[in-house]
Amino acid sequence: MSALRRISDGLADKADANISKWGLQDEATLILAATEELGELAQAFLKSKHEGGQIGRITDEAKDLGALCCQIIYLLEHKSDGRGE
């Protein structure tokens, strides 16, 4: 398995877990959550560059953001094929 496939599978697993926990959320909720995660990713990056923060935190935040992006794509595809609202 390629490294990118492993990463994308991990993001899909995290997105599935999010949906199991929170249900299929609407676009506004997901986009606001993704925006928050992007801010946390930026903060983790700045801390790693200027305050001795851990690089692993950047990876964790990127995974959280990636999972939310997967959920947004899933929701939009789900709606466009007639299964959604």
Protein backbone atom coordinates (compact mmCIF):
# COMPACT_ATOMS: atom_id res chain seq x y z
CA MET A 1 0.00 0.00 0.00
CA SER A 2 1.33 3.42 -0.91
CA ALA A 3 1.96 6.00 1.78
CA LEU A 4 -0.75 8.27 0.36
CA ARG A 5 -3.29 5.42 0.30
CA ARG A 6 -2.46 4.66 3.95
CA ILE A 7 -2.97 8.31 4.86
CA SER A 8 -6.24 8.61 2.91
CA ASP A 9 -7.54 5.39 4.47
CA GLY A 10 -6.71 6.81 7.90
CA LEU A 11 -8.59 10.02 7.09
CA ALA A 12 -11.60 8.02 5.92
CA ASP A 13 -11.52 5.98 9.14
CA LYS A 14 -11.39 9.18 11.20
CA ALA A 15 -14.27 10.67 9.17
CA ASP A 16 -16.31 7.48 9.73
CA ALA A 17 -15.66 7.73 13.47
CA ASN A 18 -16.73 11.39 13.45
CA ILE A 19 -19.96 10.49 11.64
CA SER A 20 -20.61 7.65 14.07
CA LYS A 21 -20.14 10.03 17.00
CA TRP A 22 -21.86 13.18 15.66
CA GLY A 23 -24.05 11.95 12.82
CA LEU A 24 -24.07 13.38 9.31
CA GLN A 25 -23.75 17.09 10.00
CA ASP A 26 -24.82 19.94 7.71
CA GLU A 27 -22.45 21.92 5.49
CA ALA A 28 -22.31 24.98 7.74
CA THR A 29 -21.34 22.94 10.80
CA LEU A 30 -18.68 21.02 8.89
CA ILE A 31 -17.21 24.10 7.23
CA LEU A 32 -17.07 25.97 10.53
CA ALA A 33 -15.43 22.95 12.18
CA ALA A 34 -12.92 22.71 9.30
CA THR A 35 -12.15 26.43 9.67
CA GLU A 36 -11.50 25.91 13.37
CA GLU A 37 -9.21 22.97 12.60
CA LEU A 38 -7.34 25.02 10.01
CA GLY A 39 -6.70 27.63 12.70
CA GLU A 40 -5.44 24.92 15.04
CA LEU A 41 -3.18 23.60 12.26
CA ALA A 42 -1.76 27.08 11.71
CA GLN A 43 -1.23 27.50 15.46
CA ALA A 44 0.56 24.14 15.70
CA PHE A 45 2.77 25.12 12.76
CA LEU A 46 3.69 28.47 14.28
CA LYS A 47 4.42 26.89 17.65
CA SER A 48 6.69 24.30 16.03
CA LYS A 49 8.61 26.99 14.14
CA HIS A 50 8.87 29.66 16.83
CA GLU A 51 8.16 28.14 20.23
CA GLY A 52 9.63 24.65 20.13
CA GLY A 53 6.29 22.95 19.55
CA GLN A 54 6.09 19.34 18.41
CA ILE A 55 5.83 18.46 14.72
CA GLY A 56 3.50 15.60 15.64
CA ARG A 57 0.89 18.17 16.64
CA ILE A 58 0.93 19.54 13.09
CA THR A 59 0.26 16.04 11.78
CA ASP A 60 -2.59 15.52 14.26
CA GLU A 61 -4.26 18.78 13.31
CA ALA A 62 -3.83 18.06 9.59
CA LYS A 63 -5.52 14.68 10.10
CA ASP A 64 -8.43 16.31 11.94
CA LEU A 65 -8.83 18.81 9.09
CA GLY A 66 -8.49 16.10 6.44
CA ALA A 67 -11.20 13.99 8.07
CA LEU A 68 -13.57 16.98 8.10
CA CYS A 69 -12.82 17.62 4.42
CA CYS A 70 -13.72 13.98 3.72
CA GLN A 71 -16.99 14.49 5.58
CA ILE A 72 -17.79 17.60 3.53
CA ILE A 73 -17.16 15.72 0.28
CA TYR A 74 -19.23 12.77 1.49
CA LEU A 75 -22.12 15.03 2.48
CA LEU A 76 -22.14 16.87 -0.85
CA GLU A 77 -21.97 13.63 -2.83
CA HIS A 78 -24.66 12.11 -0.59
CA LYS A 79 -26.94 15.10 -1.29
CA SER A 80 -26.24 15.23 -5.02
CA ASP A 81 -27.19 11.59 -5.62
CA GLY A 82 -30.62 12.08 -4.04
CA ARG A 83 -29.95 10.38 -0.70
CA GLY A 84 -29.55 13.61 1.24
CA GLU A 85 -31.85 16.49 2.09
